[in-house]
Each structure stands twice: as C-alpha cells, then as structure tokens.
Amino acid sequence: MEFLYYFGEVATPMAMALLIGGTIGGLILGATPGLSPTMAVALLIPFTFYLAPVHGLILLGAAYTSTVAGGAVSAILLKIPGAPANIATTLDGHEMAKNGQGARALQLSFLASLIGGLFGVFLLIFLTPVLAEWALAFGPSHLFWMAILGVTIIGSLDSKSVVKGLLAGCIGIWLGTIGYDDMQGVQRFIFHPSLGGGVNIIAALIGLFAIPQVIAMFAKGRGDAAIEAIQVQRHPIGDAIREVSKRFRALGIGTAIGSIIGLIPGVGGQIAGLVAYDQAKKFSPEKDKFGTGHSEGVIAAESANNAMVGPSLVPLLTLSIPGSPTAAVLLGGLLIHGIFPGGDLFERHPEVIWPFINSMLLGQILMCIFGIWIASLAAKISRVPQSIMAAAVLALAVFGAYAVQQSMGNVYVMATLGIGMYFLERWGYSAAPLVLGLILGPIAESNYIQGSLIAGATDGQFVYFFSGGLNMALITVVVASIAYSVWGEVKGAKS
C-alpha cells in the first residue's frame, strides 16, 4: 500500500494544475486527426525541462491517458480515428452518430475508457513484478503469432464479404512492405521519393478514413435535402451508466484483451481495440448488430484502448523495455530527469514513481468527467453546414498528415490512399481491414525474420516457432479464431 502514502503529492496545487491541464490538452490533441498519443507526449516533453521530475511525469502521464480516449471524439463524430487505437471505435461509433446517437456513443466510450483504464492502472500498481517477468517471456516467435492472431480477424472486420475483407487486408499488408527492409536495408516498391520511408501509418489512417468522407460530402453538393447530416441528440448520463453496466461481457472482454496486449512489448495498443472488438463480436448473441451502431462495439474497443495504458508501462518501469511507442517516448522523459528504469526503480525513486502512477489513476477519472462534458456539447456539430464541415475536415487531414514528419510526401500518400479508398468503398471494400493489414504486416515480418535468425543458430525454425507452452497457446488461439470465422461464414451461408 505504499502508493497510498504518496497520494498526497498529487493533491498539491502545482500537481493538480498540471494534471487538469494535461488531461484537457490531451483530449483536444487526441481528437485532432494525426496527433497520436505518441506525438502528443513528445510535444509536451520540452515543457517538462524546467519542471520537477514528478511534475513533468504527471503532465506526460495525464496527456498519455487522455489522448488515447480523446481519439474517440473524431472517430465517432467524423469517422476519422484520432489514432490507430481508435479504428475499431469508428465501426459502430460513427453509425451511432449517423443515427442521432453521437452524444450517447461518446458517453459510452468515455465511461468504458474509465473502467478499462482504472483496471489497467491497478494492474500496474499491484502486479508489476509478476507481470514484468511474464512480459519478458515474449520473444520474436510469440510476437509473430500475436500478429498472425490479428491477421485472422481481417476477413470478418467491418465487411459484408469475407473475401473482400481479406483482399483489403492483403492490400494493407502489401502497403506495409513499401520502403526499406528493416533487417536487410534493401528497397522495396519505392516508385516515388515520397515512399522512401515507407507508408506512414498516421498519414495512411487519415487518408483512408478522412478523404473518402470529404469526397462524399463534396459529391453530394450543397443542397440540404441531399446531405446526410449528423444530428447529435442529448442523452442523459444516467442512461449511459446503466447501459455500460449491462454490457458486462463486452466491457470484460475489452478490458482483459487491452491489459494483455498492452503488456506485451512491441505489439502496441493500436491493435488492442480491433482484437477486442472482434472477440466481443464473436461472443455476443447480437453479433449481427455489430457495424450497424451497436453499443457493445464502442464499449469493447474503448475499454481495451485505455486498459492497455497501465500495463504498457510495466515493462518500461521494471525492464526498461517500452510496451508501446508512447511508452518509448515516456522513457525519454524519465531519462531526461536522470531517472533510469529498472528492477529497483520503486526503491530508488518512490517519491517520483508513485505520484506519477497515482496521477494516472486520478487522470482516468478527470478524463471521463471532461470527456462527458465534451459529449454534452457535441449537439452543436449538427449546426455546422456540411460544406463547411467538409472543408474543415480536409484542412485537418492535410495538417495532420504534414505534422507527423513535417513532410509533404505524407500529404501525397494520404491523398493517394484516400482517393483509392473512396473507389474501393464504392465496390464494397472497407478501410478497417486494410489498416489492420498495414499495421500487422511489418510486425509479423520483422519478428519472423528475427525468429528465423535465432532459429538458424539453435534447433531450426519448426522447433523455434512450434514448441513451448506460450507458442502452443497462441497457436491454439489462432486456430480457434480461424475455425470460428469459417464456422460463422458457413452457418451464415446456410441460413
């Protein structure tokens, strides 16, 4: 209970001011397409130079927590994920917004984020030593099978046709191969200078989701009767709380999957929401409602997104191994202040680490409060003419793509992918499987190559990839996921 001893450090005026400011700023940055949690934390690091170590970490932790949740705002209202972690939120969240339930969707997302986030931070507080040893057990072979597990859900993700979903996923995997091979340094498919560094995931995300929306808005013209306006009706918060409590299955699945994936170094939280969404759909008796504006999809995705925040810091604080890209930036923030993570970190710097963790606990609550307040104001979006909305979204898309690396090349990539996705959507393809393939392709490839190199110096590839309890457990889950998808497709074809 040592964390309770340092709880008072968070209640000081300076700490609370930074916590509130970081939370509000994180929500705003998270809702801005292109400004991912990693970028938000990186932008705030210079502001911590002249702060005390504990205050600097409180600011960064608050921004990390709220940016992950803030991405749901643009995902729900504009169908533009604020970060890769919010892709799954668009699948049902935006459909709810189109049905006049945008405020309800935002309330559910922030309440689910609160519960998942609190659970993740409590894991960080009470089980750090045990979880650190478990995270260290993951090697290239295990990460490869984790990526393959993600690939198994591509076919059924937000697509009326499994074949079209798989084809979209294959396009995404191919896009992930563009650039330089990380292991051998050779060029692949670089047919334009803008592709020298590969396809940036944030630029691709903005292009694939935002540009088709903008083109569709402009294509409908300026006539009010021809425009599909998004009306956001007010929704009592009490009803949202009762609904979240009733969706215990989706909440539990999202929280559990987010906690596990957040703990695994190198996987990152960007696939946590997608995997949780897929599993919640498979275990739901109302699976046919997913993708049509079903609250379970929003709850599962957002609880997973924030549940991964706390566990992603476990390998960082105890093993100096970041569990996500944002955790890697936080590592830089620690090192700047002369704090070196390790097994004895909690003994050497308890006056810094425990207030930092406590602030993340309070930050989850503040994030939910301010987020619900934002949801109550969301009705004003219905007053914005669609022509102005289209122009604003286009401006945000260009800004977001350029801001990632201050490169016009990313803007060209965003525009090209967006125009291509517009036509693919007209043919029944979906952006979500494509993005998932783009994310998982490099993860699977790099870990397979690393594993092959290790296997070559030991007992061979078959033994390395198909032996060991953890490998077999992951393979079993992969096979079960494929079998379930095939069974569901066959059952649907017969009915």
Protein backbone atom coordinates (compact mmCIF):
# COMPACT_ATOMS: atom_id res chain seq x y z
CA MET A 1 0.00 0.00 0.00
CA GLU A 2 2.98 2.29 -0.50
CA PHE A 3 1.15 4.11 -3.27
CA LEU A 4 -1.36 5.48 -0.72
CA TYR A 5 1.50 7.08 1.22
CA TYR A 6 2.40 9.25 -1.77
CA PHE A 7 -1.15 10.10 -2.81
CA GLY A 8 -0.90 13.50 -1.14
CA GLU A 9 1.83 14.53 -3.60
CA VAL A 10 -0.75 14.58 -6.38
CA ALA A 11 -3.08 16.85 -4.41
CA THR A 12 -0.66 19.80 -4.37
CA PRO A 13 -1.79 22.86 -6.38
CA MET A 14 1.02 22.51 -8.93
CA ALA A 15 0.43 18.80 -9.48
CA MET A 16 -3.34 19.22 -9.83
CA ALA A 17 -2.93 22.13 -12.25
CA LEU A 18 -0.63 20.04 -14.46
CA LEU A 19 -2.93 17.04 -14.18
CA ILE A 20 -6.01 19.01 -15.23
CA GLY A 21 -4.13 20.89 -17.96
CA GLY A 22 -2.58 17.68 -19.31
CA THR A 23 -5.97 15.94 -19.32
CA ILE A 24 -7.80 18.72 -21.17
CA GLY A 25 -4.92 19.23 -23.58
CA GLY A 26 -4.69 15.50 -24.20
CA LEU A 27 -8.40 15.28 -25.04
CA ILE A 28 -8.03 18.12 -27.54
CA LEU A 29 -4.90 16.66 -29.11
CA GLY A 30 -6.43 13.18 -29.20
CA ALA A 31 -9.49 14.48 -31.03
CA THR A 32 -7.27 16.09 -33.69
CA PRO A 33 -6.60 13.67 -36.58
CA GLY A 34 -2.90 12.96 -36.94
CA LEU A 35 -1.87 13.90 -33.42
CA SER A 36 -1.43 10.43 -31.91
CA PRO A 37 -0.71 9.81 -28.21
CA THR A 38 2.94 9.30 -29.09
CA MET A 39 3.17 12.68 -30.80
CA ALA A 40 1.20 14.41 -28.04
CA VAL A 41 3.57 13.16 -25.35
CA ALA A 42 6.60 14.00 -27.50
CA LEU A 43 5.34 17.56 -28.00
CA LEU A 44 4.99 18.03 -24.23
CA ILE A 45 8.44 16.73 -23.28
CA PRO A 46 10.19 20.12 -23.83
CA PHE A 47 7.73 21.69 -21.37
CA THR A 48 8.98 19.34 -18.65
CA PHE A 49 12.62 20.51 -18.82
CA TYR A 50 12.11 23.17 -16.16
CA LEU A 51 9.68 21.18 -14.02
CA ALA A 52 10.49 18.91 -11.12
CA PRO A 53 10.71 15.26 -12.24
CA VAL A 54 7.47 14.28 -10.53
CA HIS A 55 5.59 17.22 -12.07
CA GLY A 56 6.97 16.53 -15.53
CA LEU A 57 5.87 12.90 -15.38
CA ILE A 58 2.42 13.87 -14.11
CA LEU A 59 1.96 16.12 -17.15
CA LEU A 60 3.12 13.40 -19.57
CA GLY A 61 1.04 10.68 -17.91
CA ALA A 62 -2.13 12.80 -17.99
CA ALA A 63 -1.61 13.57 -21.67
CA TYR A 64 -0.99 9.89 -22.49
CA THR A 65 -4.16 8.74 -20.74
CA SER A 66 -6.50 11.37 -22.15
CA THR A 67 -5.12 11.38 -25.70
CA VAL A 68 -5.91 7.68 -26.11
CA ALA A 69 -9.52 8.32 -25.04
CA GLY A 70 -9.80 11.64 -26.91
CA GLY A 71 -9.29 9.94 -30.25
CA ALA A 72 -12.82 8.56 -29.90
CA VAL A 73 -14.30 12.03 -30.43
CA SER A 74 -13.26 12.37 -34.07
CA ALA A 75 -13.72 8.62 -34.61
CA ILE A 76 -17.38 8.83 -33.58
CA LEU A 77 -18.39 12.22 -34.95
CA LEU A 78 -16.31 12.34 -38.15
CA LYS A 79 -15.34 8.68 -38.77
CA ILE A 80 -11.71 9.75 -38.56
CA PRO A 81 -9.79 7.86 -35.84
CA GLY A 82 -7.72 10.21 -33.72
CA ALA A 83 -5.08 7.46 -33.53
CA PRO A 84 -4.69 3.86 -34.74
CA ALA A 85 -6.07 2.70 -31.38
CA ASN A 86 -9.46 4.23 -32.25
CA ILE A 87 -10.02 2.44 -35.56
CA ALA A 88 -12.47 -0.07 -34.09
CA THR A 89 -14.43 2.75 -32.44
CA THR A 90 -15.42 4.11 -35.85
CA LEU A 91 -17.14 0.88 -36.86
CA ASP A 92 -20.13 1.31 -34.54
CA GLY A 93 -19.50 4.73 -33.05
CA HIS A 94 -19.94 6.65 -36.29
CA GLU A 95 -23.01 4.61 -37.19
CA MET A 96 -24.49 5.62 -33.84
CA ALA A 97 -23.69 9.26 -34.62
CA LYS A 98 -25.40 8.99 -38.01
CA ASN A 99 -28.47 7.66 -36.19
CA GLY A 100 -28.55 10.70 -33.92
CA GLN A 101 -26.80 8.95 -31.01
CA GLY A 102 -23.42 10.68 -31.12
CA ALA A 103 -23.66 12.01 -27.56
CA ARG A 104 -24.64 8.56 -26.31
CA ALA A 105 -21.72 6.96 -28.16
CA LEU A 106 -19.27 9.48 -26.67
CA GLN A 107 -20.61 8.92 -23.17
CA LEU A 108 -20.31 5.16 -23.53
CA SER A 109 -16.77 5.48 -24.90
CA PHE A 110 -15.52 7.63 -22.02
CA LEU A 111 -17.24 5.50 -19.36
CA ALA A 112 -15.75 2.34 -20.89
CA SER A 113 -12.36 4.06 -21.09
CA LEU A 114 -12.62 4.94 -17.40
CA ILE A 115 -13.33 1.38 -16.29
CA GLY A 116 -10.70 -0.16 -18.56
CA GLY A 117 -8.16 2.49 -17.63
CA LEU A 118 -8.67 2.09 -13.88
CA PHE A 119 -8.27 -1.68 -14.19
CA GLY A 120 -5.05 -1.23 -16.16
CA VAL A 121 -3.55 1.17 -13.64
CA PHE A 122 -4.48 -1.12 -10.73
CA LEU A 123 -2.62 -3.91 -12.52
CA LEU A 124 0.38 -1.59 -12.73
CA ILE A 125 0.15 -0.83 -9.01
CA PHE A 126 -0.37 -4.30 -7.58
CA LEU A 127 1.10 -6.80 -10.04
CA THR A 128 4.11 -5.03 -11.58
CA PRO A 129 6.82 -7.56 -10.53
CA VAL A 130 4.80 -10.60 -11.66
CA LEU A 131 3.69 -9.02 -14.93
CA ALA A 132 7.22 -7.84 -15.73
CA GLU A 133 8.51 -11.43 -15.68
CA TRP A 134 5.60 -12.53 -17.87
CA ALA A 135 6.21 -9.74 -20.39
CA LEU A 136 9.88 -10.69 -20.60
CA ALA A 137 8.86 -14.17 -21.75
CA PHE A 138 7.65 -12.81 -25.11
CA GLY A 139 10.20 -13.28 -27.88
CA PRO A 140 10.07 -12.92 -31.68
CA SER A 141 8.17 -16.20 -32.17
CA HIS A 142 5.45 -15.16 -29.72
CA LEU A 143 5.11 -11.70 -31.24
CA PHE A 144 4.88 -13.31 -34.68
CA TRP A 145 1.95 -15.46 -33.57
CA MET A 146 0.32 -12.43 -31.93
CA ALA A 147 0.47 -10.65 -35.28
CA ILE A 148 -0.95 -13.72 -37.03
CA LEU A 149 -3.80 -13.75 -34.49
CA GLY A 150 -4.59 -10.20 -35.57
CA VAL A 151 -4.49 -11.25 -39.21
CA THR A 152 -7.14 -13.92 -38.56
CA ILE A 153 -9.75 -11.25 -37.79
CA ILE A 154 -9.19 -9.30 -41.03
CA GLY A 155 -11.73 -11.23 -43.07
CA SER A 156 -14.68 -10.53 -40.78
CA LEU A 157 -13.80 -6.96 -39.77
CA ASP A 158 -16.39 -4.42 -40.94
CA SER A 159 -17.03 -6.10 -44.26
CA LYS A 160 -20.14 -7.63 -45.77
CA SER A 161 -17.89 -10.11 -47.62
CA VAL A 162 -15.10 -12.17 -46.08
CA VAL A 163 -13.35 -12.31 -49.46
CA LYS A 164 -13.38 -8.53 -49.82
CA GLY A 165 -12.20 -8.16 -46.24
CA LEU A 166 -9.26 -10.49 -46.91
CA LEU A 167 -8.41 -8.71 -50.16
CA ALA A 168 -8.42 -5.36 -48.36
CA GLY A 169 -6.18 -6.85 -45.67
CA CYS A 170 -3.77 -8.13 -48.34
CA ILE A 171 -3.58 -4.64 -49.85
CA GLY A 172 -2.71 -3.32 -46.40
CA ILE A 173 -0.02 -5.96 -45.88
CA TRP A 174 1.48 -5.05 -49.26
CA LEU A 175 1.48 -1.35 -48.32
CA GLY A 176 3.36 -2.32 -45.17
CA THR A 177 6.21 -3.76 -47.27
CA ILE A 178 6.87 -0.47 -49.08
CA GLY A 179 10.11 1.24 -48.07
CA TYR A 180 13.38 -0.18 -46.83
CA ASP A 181 13.59 -3.67 -45.37
CA ASP A 182 14.46 -3.11 -41.69
CA MET A 183 16.58 -6.25 -41.50
CA GLN A 184 18.47 -6.16 -44.80
CA GLY A 185 18.23 -2.50 -45.81
CA VAL A 186 17.06 -3.15 -49.39
CA GLN A 187 14.49 -1.03 -51.25
CA ARG A 188 11.01 -2.43 -51.88
CA PHE A 189 8.35 -0.87 -54.12
CA ILE A 190 9.80 2.64 -53.80
CA PHE A 191 8.42 4.05 -57.07
CA HIS A 192 8.21 7.64 -55.74
CA PRO A 193 10.52 9.66 -53.46
CA SER A 194 7.63 10.16 -51.01
CA LEU A 195 7.71 6.41 -50.30
CA GLY A 196 11.39 6.29 -49.29
CA GLY A 197 10.48 5.94 -45.63
CA GLY A 198 7.56 3.63 -46.27
CA VAL A 199 3.86 4.36 -45.79
CA ASN A 200 3.45 6.27 -42.53
CA ILE A 201 0.63 4.71 -40.52
CA ILE A 202 -0.82 8.05 -39.34
CA ALA A 203 -0.85 9.55 -42.84
CA ALA A 204 -2.44 6.35 -44.17
CA LEU A 205 -5.01 6.34 -41.38
CA ILE A 206 -6.08 9.90 -42.12
CA GLY A 207 -6.21 9.30 -45.86
CA LEU A 208 -8.15 6.04 -45.69
CA PHE A 209 -10.79 7.35 -43.31
CA ALA A 210 -10.95 11.12 -43.83
CA ILE A 211 -10.54 11.65 -47.58
CA PRO A 212 -13.42 9.32 -48.65
CA GLN A 213 -15.64 11.21 -46.21
CA VAL A 214 -14.59 14.57 -47.66
CA ILE A 215 -15.11 13.42 -51.26
CA ALA A 216 -18.54 12.03 -50.37
CA MET A 217 -19.51 15.32 -48.70
CA PHE A 218 -18.46 17.39 -51.70
CA ALA A 219 -20.04 14.92 -54.15
CA LYS A 220 -23.46 15.34 -52.57
CA GLY A 221 -23.49 19.02 -53.38
CA ARG A 222 -24.78 21.90 -51.30
CA GLY A 223 -28.46 21.08 -51.30
CA ASP A 224 -29.68 20.45 -47.77
CA ALA A 225 -32.02 17.68 -48.90
CA ALA A 226 -29.18 15.76 -50.47
CA ILE A 227 -26.93 15.91 -47.45
CA GLU A 228 -26.84 13.27 -44.76
CA ALA A 229 -26.47 15.48 -41.71
CA ILE A 230 -25.29 14.05 -38.43
CA GLN A 231 -27.72 15.06 -35.71
CA VAL A 232 -26.35 14.58 -32.22
CA GLN A 233 -29.12 14.39 -29.67
CA ARG A 234 -28.58 14.98 -25.97
CA HIS A 235 -28.51 11.83 -23.87
CA PRO A 236 -28.83 11.50 -20.05
CA ILE A 237 -25.59 10.33 -18.46
CA GLY A 238 -27.54 8.07 -16.10
CA ASP A 239 -28.80 6.03 -19.04
CA ALA A 240 -25.24 5.66 -20.34
CA ILE A 241 -24.01 4.43 -16.94
CA ARG A 242 -26.78 1.84 -16.77
CA GLU A 243 -26.06 0.68 -20.31
CA VAL A 244 -22.33 0.22 -19.63
CA SER A 245 -23.13 -1.82 -16.53
CA LYS A 246 -25.44 -4.05 -18.60
CA ARG A 247 -22.78 -4.64 -21.27
CA PHE A 248 -20.55 -6.52 -18.84
CA ARG A 249 -19.46 -9.07 -21.44
CA ALA A 250 -18.10 -6.50 -23.90
CA LEU A 251 -16.56 -4.47 -21.08
CA GLY A 252 -14.82 -7.52 -19.61
CA ILE A 253 -13.52 -8.73 -22.97
CA GLY A 254 -12.19 -5.30 -23.88
CA THR A 255 -10.54 -4.73 -20.52
CA ALA A 256 -8.90 -8.17 -20.44
CA ILE A 257 -7.59 -8.04 -24.02
CA GLY A 258 -6.37 -4.45 -23.66
CA SER A 259 -4.48 -5.33 -20.47
CA ILE A 260 -2.80 -8.35 -22.06
CA ILE A 261 -1.83 -6.67 -25.33
CA GLY A 262 -0.63 -3.53 -23.57
CA LEU A 263 1.73 -5.64 -21.50
CA ILE A 264 3.45 -7.26 -24.48
CA PRO A 265 6.47 -5.19 -25.61
CA GLY A 266 6.49 -4.33 -29.29
CA VAL A 267 2.84 -5.04 -30.12
CA GLY A 268 1.46 -1.69 -29.03
CA GLY A 269 -2.08 -0.70 -28.20
CA GLN A 270 -3.04 0.09 -31.79
CA ILE A 271 -4.41 -3.43 -32.30
CA ALA A 272 -5.95 -3.82 -28.83
CA GLY A 273 -9.24 -2.19 -29.80
CA LEU A 274 -9.53 -4.18 -33.02
CA VAL A 275 -8.87 -7.54 -31.36
CA ALA A 276 -11.26 -6.70 -28.51
CA TYR A 277 -13.94 -5.63 -30.99
CA ASP A 278 -13.58 -8.88 -32.91
CA GLN A 279 -13.74 -11.06 -29.80
CA ALA A 280 -16.69 -9.14 -28.37
CA LYS A 281 -18.50 -9.68 -31.67
CA LYS A 282 -17.77 -13.41 -31.67
CA PHE A 283 -19.03 -13.91 -28.11
CA SER A 284 -22.07 -11.67 -28.44
CA PRO A 285 -25.55 -13.12 -29.05
CA GLU A 286 -26.22 -9.95 -31.08
CA LYS A 287 -23.24 -10.24 -33.43
CA ASP A 288 -25.40 -9.25 -36.43
CA LYS A 289 -25.83 -5.78 -34.90
CA PHE A 290 -22.09 -5.05 -34.90
CA GLY A 291 -21.23 -2.48 -37.53
CA THR A 292 -24.73 -1.02 -37.56
CA GLY A 293 -24.39 1.22 -34.49
CA HIS A 294 -24.22 -1.30 -31.64
CA SER A 295 -23.08 -0.01 -28.26
CA GLU A 296 -21.15 -3.21 -27.45
CA GLY A 297 -18.68 -2.43 -30.24
CA VAL A 298 -17.88 1.01 -28.82
CA ILE A 299 -17.59 -0.29 -25.24
CA ALA A 300 -15.29 -3.18 -26.15
CA ALA A 301 -12.99 -1.05 -28.30
CA GLU A 302 -12.62 1.88 -25.91
CA SER A 303 -12.26 -0.19 -22.74
CA ALA A 304 -9.41 -2.07 -24.47
CA ASN A 305 -7.71 1.14 -25.62
CA ASN A 306 -7.39 2.57 -22.12
CA ALA A 307 -6.87 -0.75 -20.34
CA MET A 308 -3.58 -1.12 -22.22
CA VAL A 309 -2.18 2.20 -20.88
CA GLY A 310 -1.20 0.97 -17.40
CA PRO A 311 0.21 -2.43 -18.41
CA SER A 312 2.26 -0.84 -21.22
CA LEU A 313 4.29 0.89 -18.50
CA VAL A 314 5.10 -2.33 -16.63
CA PRO A 315 7.98 -3.47 -18.88
CA LEU A 316 9.10 0.16 -19.19
CA LEU A 317 9.43 0.86 -15.46
CA THR A 318 10.87 -2.51 -14.45
CA LEU A 319 12.80 -3.73 -17.50
CA SER A 320 13.49 -0.52 -19.49
CA ILE A 321 11.52 -2.12 -22.36
CA PRO A 322 8.71 0.14 -23.64
CA GLY A 323 5.45 -1.72 -24.20
CA SER A 324 4.22 0.78 -26.80
CA PRO A 325 5.57 3.66 -28.91
CA THR A 326 4.19 6.18 -26.42
CA ALA A 327 5.90 4.34 -23.57
CA ALA A 328 9.16 4.69 -25.52
CA VAL A 329 8.69 8.47 -25.54
CA LEU A 330 7.95 8.37 -21.82
CA LEU A 331 11.26 6.55 -21.36
CA GLY A 332 12.95 9.60 -22.85
CA GLY A 333 11.09 11.78 -20.38
CA LEU A 334 12.39 9.65 -17.49
CA LEU A 335 15.98 9.71 -18.74
CA ILE A 336 15.94 13.48 -19.20
CA HIS A 337 15.36 13.83 -15.46
CA GLY A 338 18.06 11.32 -14.56
CA ILE A 339 15.64 8.50 -13.69
CA PHE A 340 16.76 5.14 -15.06
CA PRO A 341 14.11 2.39 -15.10
CA GLY A 342 14.97 -0.96 -13.63
CA GLY A 343 14.01 -3.56 -11.10
CA ASP A 344 14.90 -1.28 -8.18
CA LEU A 345 13.21 1.85 -9.55
CA PHE A 346 10.47 1.80 -6.92
CA GLU A 347 13.12 1.65 -4.17
CA ARG A 348 15.37 4.38 -5.63
CA HIS A 349 12.72 6.93 -6.68
CA PRO A 350 9.47 6.18 -4.85
CA GLU A 351 8.79 9.90 -4.40
CA VAL A 352 8.61 10.27 -8.20
CA ILE A 353 7.18 7.00 -9.48
CA TRP A 354 4.30 6.55 -7.03
CA PRO A 355 2.89 10.10 -7.51
CA PHE A 356 3.22 9.54 -11.27
CA ILE A 357 1.17 6.32 -11.08
CA ASN A 358 -1.34 7.92 -8.69
CA SER A 359 -1.78 10.81 -11.10
CA MET A 360 -2.67 8.36 -13.86
CA LEU A 361 -5.32 6.91 -11.56
CA LEU A 362 -6.84 10.36 -10.99
CA GLY A 363 -6.27 11.23 -14.63
CA GLN A 364 -8.63 8.45 -15.70
CA ILE A 365 -11.40 9.98 -13.59
CA LEU A 366 -10.73 13.52 -14.85
CA MET A 367 -10.59 12.23 -18.42
CA CYS A 368 -14.06 10.73 -18.03
CA ILE A 369 -15.50 13.89 -16.43
CA PHE A 370 -14.17 16.26 -19.08
CA GLY A 371 -14.95 13.78 -21.85
CA ILE A 372 -18.59 13.52 -20.82
CA TRP A 373 -18.73 17.30 -20.69
CA ILE A 374 -17.46 17.35 -24.29
CA ALA A 375 -20.16 14.83 -25.20
CA SER A 376 -22.81 17.18 -23.81
CA LEU A 377 -21.61 19.88 -26.22
CA ALA A 378 -21.49 17.59 -29.23
CA ALA A 379 -25.01 18.58 -30.29
CA LYS A 380 -23.54 21.78 -31.75
CA ILE A 381 -21.95 19.79 -34.57
CA SER A 382 -25.38 19.41 -36.15
CA ARG A 383 -25.48 23.18 -36.75
CA VAL A 384 -22.37 23.12 -38.95
CA PRO A 385 -23.22 23.06 -42.69
CA GLN A 386 -21.80 20.03 -44.44
CA SER A 387 -19.88 22.13 -46.96
CA ILE A 388 -18.05 23.87 -44.13
CA MET A 389 -17.57 20.58 -42.31
CA ALA A 390 -16.00 19.02 -45.41
CA ALA A 391 -13.58 21.93 -45.79
CA ALA A 392 -12.67 21.78 -42.08
CA VAL A 393 -12.08 18.02 -42.20
CA LEU A 394 -9.91 18.40 -45.30
CA ALA A 395 -7.85 21.11 -43.60
CA LEU A 396 -7.42 18.92 -40.51
CA ALA A 397 -6.42 15.97 -42.69
CA VAL A 398 -3.72 17.93 -44.51
CA PHE A 399 -2.46 19.42 -41.25
CA GLY A 400 -2.41 16.06 -39.51
CA ALA A 401 -0.59 14.27 -42.33
CA TYR A 402 2.01 17.02 -42.67
CA ALA A 403 2.56 17.36 -38.92
CA VAL A 404 3.61 13.73 -38.47
CA GLN A 405 7.06 14.27 -40.02
CA GLN A 406 6.77 17.81 -41.44
CA SER A 407 6.79 16.23 -44.90
CA MET A 408 4.65 16.96 -47.94
CA GLY A 409 5.37 13.37 -49.00
CA ASN A 410 2.98 12.18 -46.29
CA VAL A 411 0.32 14.53 -47.65
CA TYR A 412 0.72 12.99 -51.12
CA VAL A 413 0.49 9.49 -49.64
CA MET A 414 -2.60 10.48 -47.67
CA ALA A 415 -4.32 11.94 -50.74
CA THR A 416 -3.47 8.98 -52.97
CA LEU A 417 -4.66 6.37 -50.49
CA GLY A 418 -7.78 8.40 -49.72
CA ILE A 419 -8.83 8.70 -53.36
CA GLY A 420 -8.17 4.99 -53.89
CA MET A 421 -10.18 4.11 -50.77
CA TYR A 422 -13.12 6.19 -52.00
CA PHE A 423 -13.47 3.95 -55.06
CA LEU A 424 -12.82 0.77 -53.05
CA GLU A 425 -15.66 1.69 -50.69
CA ARG A 426 -17.99 2.07 -53.66
CA TRP A 427 -17.12 -1.52 -54.59
CA GLY A 428 -17.90 -2.80 -51.08
CA TYR A 429 -14.43 -2.78 -49.51
CA SER A 430 -13.71 -1.40 -46.05
CA ALA A 431 -10.83 0.68 -44.70
CA ALA A 432 -10.56 -1.13 -41.35
CA PRO A 433 -9.16 -4.46 -42.67
CA LEU A 434 -6.75 -2.55 -44.90
CA VAL A 435 -5.37 -0.54 -41.99
CA LEU A 436 -5.10 -3.65 -39.83
CA GLY A 437 -3.05 -5.34 -42.55
CA LEU A 438 -0.81 -2.27 -42.78
CA ILE A 439 -0.20 -2.38 -39.02
CA LEU A 440 0.28 -6.12 -38.62
CA GLY A 441 2.31 -6.83 -41.76
CA PRO A 442 5.56 -5.21 -40.56
CA ILE A 443 5.14 -6.69 -37.06
CA ALA A 444 4.75 -10.23 -38.42
CA GLU A 445 7.55 -9.82 -40.96
CA SER A 446 10.17 -8.35 -38.62
CA ASN A 447 9.52 -10.88 -35.88
CA TYR A 448 9.52 -13.78 -38.34
CA ILE A 449 12.91 -12.70 -39.71
CA GLN A 450 14.34 -12.21 -36.21
CA GLY A 451 12.96 -15.57 -35.13
CA SER A 452 14.41 -17.25 -38.23
CA LEU A 453 17.86 -15.85 -37.46
CA ILE A 454 17.64 -17.13 -33.89
CA ALA A 455 16.27 -20.48 -35.07
CA GLY A 456 19.17 -20.87 -37.50
CA ALA A 457 21.59 -20.80 -34.59
CA THR A 458 19.56 -23.24 -32.47
CA ASP A 459 17.26 -26.15 -33.34
CA GLY A 460 15.68 -24.87 -36.54
CA GLN A 461 12.58 -22.89 -37.43
CA PHE A 462 9.99 -25.58 -36.75
CA VAL A 463 11.17 -26.16 -33.20
CA TYR A 464 11.55 -22.44 -32.51
CA PHE A 465 8.10 -21.41 -33.77
CA PHE A 466 6.09 -24.52 -32.80
CA SER A 467 7.45 -25.53 -29.41
CA GLY A 468 7.00 -24.13 -25.93
CA GLY A 469 3.86 -23.61 -23.88
CA LEU A 470 3.37 -19.96 -24.86
CA ASN A 471 3.80 -20.67 -28.57
CA MET A 472 1.33 -23.55 -28.44
CA ALA A 473 -1.20 -21.47 -26.51
CA LEU A 474 -1.03 -18.69 -29.10
CA ILE A 475 -1.25 -21.19 -31.99
CA THR A 476 -4.32 -22.73 -30.38
CA VAL A 477 -5.99 -19.32 -30.16
CA VAL A 478 -5.09 -18.60 -33.80
CA VAL A 479 -6.58 -21.91 -34.98
CA ALA A 480 -9.69 -21.36 -32.85
CA SER A 481 -10.14 -17.87 -34.28
CA ILE A 482 -9.88 -19.17 -37.86
CA ALA A 483 -12.23 -22.08 -37.14
CA TYR A 484 -14.80 -19.80 -35.55
CA SER A 485 -14.71 -17.41 -38.52
CA VAL A 486 -15.11 -20.27 -41.01
CA TRP A 487 -17.93 -21.80 -38.96
CA GLY A 488 -19.72 -18.45 -38.80
CA GLU A 489 -19.35 -17.96 -42.57
CA VAL A 490 -20.69 -21.44 -43.34
CA LYS A 491 -23.56 -21.02 -40.90
CA GLY A 492 -24.44 -17.67 -42.45
CA ALA A 493 -24.37 -19.14 -45.97
CA LYS A 494 -26.81 -21.90 -44.98
CA SER A 495 -29.27 -19.59 -43.24
